[in-house]
Amino acid sequence: GMGEGFGVNAANTGQEDVDEDSPDGGDGPGGGGDSSYICTAAWDTGISAPATWSLNRRFGVWIRRNDPLAYKGYSVFGPWIADRIRDGKLRWIGKLKPQCWAYEMAQRSGKDTSGFSLGVKILNRVQRVTTRPLVRLLGWYVSK
């Protein structure tokens, strides 16, 4: 898969083999399997902290189960962006998007979100009503 074959961040080892159905598991956007893209690239390159990675993996499971069209749309462009993050070209996306998704998962699961910056919170809210519907539409289109 996308996350495999690339060197695992040595500082972040020991968190790769989480069961998908556990609260910290999964392999969607932010996970570690065949369908992982931006968040895994951020993890593999050392951009994301363990707490972000854990929330990203949970968000991957959540989005696949609760918004499969958004996930399908994300799967169209996620690998391309992940490759650019690994190449060092789009590292800002690797820093920002996993934080936004980690914030959303923390919020959805009732965790303390006070550690997230106001900018991340605002960006997540804006993308939920702008970008995500467009990505969902793309997912619908490619599913036809």
Protein backbone atom coordinates (compact mmCIF):
# COMPACT_ATOMS: atom_id res chain seq x y z
CA GLY A 1 0.00 0.00 0.00
CA MET A 2 0.91 3.65 0.03
CA GLY A 3 2.39 3.57 3.53
CA GLU A 4 4.39 0.43 2.91
CA GLY A 5 7.83 0.32 1.39
CA PHE A 6 8.76 3.70 2.79
CA GLY A 7 10.96 3.97 5.84
CA VAL A 8 9.03 4.22 9.07
CA ASN A 9 9.96 7.16 11.23
CA ALA A 10 12.31 5.57 13.76
CA ALA A 11 11.08 7.89 16.51
CA ASN A 12 7.52 6.73 15.91
CA THR A 13 7.88 2.95 15.79
CA GLY A 14 5.60 0.68 17.76
CA GLN A 15 2.33 2.26 16.68
CA GLU A 16 1.94 0.75 13.22
CA ASP A 17 0.17 -2.49 14.12
CA VAL A 18 -3.05 -1.25 15.69
CA ASP A 19 -6.15 -3.30 14.94
CA GLU A 20 -8.59 -1.50 12.63
CA ASP A 21 -11.57 -2.09 14.89
CA SER A 22 -9.87 -0.80 18.01
CA PRO A 23 -10.48 2.84 18.98
CA ASP A 24 -6.98 3.74 17.77
CA GLY A 25 -6.97 1.61 14.63
CA GLY A 26 -7.64 1.96 10.97
CA ASP A 27 -6.04 2.67 7.69
CA GLY A 28 -8.02 5.37 5.94
CA PRO A 29 -6.85 8.94 5.62
CA GLY A 30 -4.38 8.93 8.42
CA GLY A 31 -4.03 5.22 8.76
CA GLY A 32 -1.38 2.72 7.92
CA GLY A 33 -2.62 0.32 5.26
CA ASP A 34 -3.40 0.12 1.59
CA SER A 35 -5.58 3.23 1.74
CA SER A 36 -3.34 5.57 3.69
CA TYR A 37 -2.06 8.74 2.14
CA ILE A 38 -1.42 12.22 3.54
CA CYS A 39 -1.35 11.39 7.25
CA THR A 40 0.84 8.34 6.73
CA ALA A 41 3.26 10.42 4.65
CA ALA A 42 3.34 12.97 7.48
CA TRP A 43 3.98 10.16 9.98
CA ASP A 44 6.62 8.42 7.85
CA THR A 45 8.56 11.65 7.34
CA GLY A 46 8.46 12.60 11.03
CA ILE A 47 6.10 15.56 10.65
CA SER A 48 3.31 14.17 12.87
CA ALA A 49 3.57 13.46 16.58
CA PRO A 50 2.30 10.14 18.01
CA ALA A 51 -0.88 11.76 19.40
CA THR A 52 -1.71 13.23 15.98
CA TRP A 53 -1.03 9.89 14.27
CA SER A 54 -3.29 8.02 16.70
CA LEU A 55 -6.17 10.45 16.10
CA ASN A 56 -5.53 10.36 12.34
CA ARG A 57 -5.85 6.58 12.30
CA ARG A 58 -9.14 6.78 14.16
CA PHE A 59 -10.37 9.49 11.77
CA GLY A 60 -9.56 7.20 8.83
CA VAL A 61 -11.89 4.55 10.21
CA TRP A 62 -14.55 7.16 11.01
CA ILE A 63 -14.56 8.77 7.55
CA ARG A 64 -14.72 5.44 5.71
CA ARG A 65 -17.66 4.30 7.82
CA ASN A 66 -19.56 7.58 8.00
CA ASP A 67 -18.72 9.39 4.77
CA PRO A 68 -17.65 6.78 2.20
CA LEU A 69 -18.08 9.13 -0.77
CA ALA A 70 -15.72 11.68 0.80
CA TYR A 71 -13.24 8.88 1.39
CA LYS A 72 -13.59 7.67 -2.21
CA GLY A 73 -12.97 11.21 -3.50
CA TYR A 74 -9.98 11.63 -1.21
CA SER A 75 -8.55 8.40 -2.60
CA VAL A 76 -8.37 10.04 -6.05
CA PHE A 77 -5.85 12.74 -5.08
CA GLY A 78 -4.50 11.62 -1.67
CA PRO A 79 -1.74 9.41 -3.10
CA TRP A 80 -0.43 12.22 -5.32
CA ILE A 81 -0.25 14.64 -2.38
CA ALA A 82 1.36 11.99 -0.16
CA ASP A 83 4.10 11.44 -2.74
CA ARG A 84 4.79 15.21 -2.82
CA ILE A 85 4.99 15.28 1.01
CA ARG A 86 7.52 12.45 0.95
CA ASP A 87 9.50 14.32 -1.73
CA GLY A 88 9.56 17.40 0.53
CA LYS A 89 7.49 19.50 -1.88
CA LEU A 90 4.17 19.79 -0.02
CA ARG A 91 5.31 19.43 3.58
CA TRP A 92 3.01 22.28 4.65
CA ILE A 93 0.03 20.08 3.74
CA GLY A 94 1.62 17.26 5.73
CA LYS A 95 1.80 19.55 8.72
CA LEU A 96 -1.63 21.17 8.42
CA LYS A 97 -4.13 18.55 7.22
CA PRO A 98 -3.25 15.82 9.75
CA GLN A 99 -3.65 18.41 12.51
CA CYS A 100 -7.10 19.37 11.18
CA TRP A 101 -8.21 15.75 10.99
CA ALA A 102 -6.76 14.99 14.44
CA TYR A 103 -8.71 17.95 15.84
CA GLU A 104 -11.92 16.73 14.23
CA MET A 105 -11.48 13.21 15.62
CA ALA A 106 -10.68 14.55 19.09
CA GLN A 107 -13.78 16.71 18.94
CA ARG A 108 -16.02 13.90 17.64
CA SER A 109 -14.80 11.55 20.38
CA GLY A 110 -15.20 14.08 23.20
CA LYS A 111 -11.49 14.55 23.89
CA ASP A 112 -9.89 17.77 25.08
CA THR A 113 -9.20 20.00 22.07
CA SER A 114 -7.56 22.88 23.92
CA GLY A 115 -4.12 21.88 22.60
CA PHE A 116 -5.11 22.63 19.01
CA SER A 117 -4.47 26.10 17.65
CA LEU A 118 -7.36 28.40 16.75
CA GLY A 119 -6.14 28.35 13.14
CA VAL A 120 -6.42 24.54 12.97
CA LYS A 121 -9.91 24.68 14.51
CA ILE A 122 -11.10 27.34 12.06
CA LEU A 123 -9.53 25.60 9.05
CA ASN A 124 -11.18 22.31 10.00
CA ARG A 125 -14.60 23.97 10.28
CA VAL A 126 -14.18 25.76 6.95
CA GLN A 127 -13.03 22.64 5.10
CA ARG A 128 -15.95 20.63 6.51
CA VAL A 129 -18.40 22.92 4.68
CA THR A 130 -16.33 23.76 1.59
CA THR A 131 -13.69 21.19 0.63
CA ARG A 132 -15.34 18.05 1.99
CA PRO A 133 -18.56 18.45 -0.04
CA LEU A 134 -16.44 18.89 -3.19
CA VAL A 135 -14.40 15.80 -2.33
CA ARG A 136 -17.66 13.93 -1.69
CA LEU A 137 -18.91 15.00 -5.12
CA LEU A 138 -15.69 13.71 -6.68
CA GLY A 139 -16.20 10.42 -4.82
CA TRP A 140 -19.72 10.19 -6.18
CA TYR A 141 -18.49 10.91 -9.70
CA VAL A 142 -15.74 8.26 -9.67
CA SER A 143 -18.16 5.72 -8.15
CA LYS A 144 -20.61 5.97 -11.05
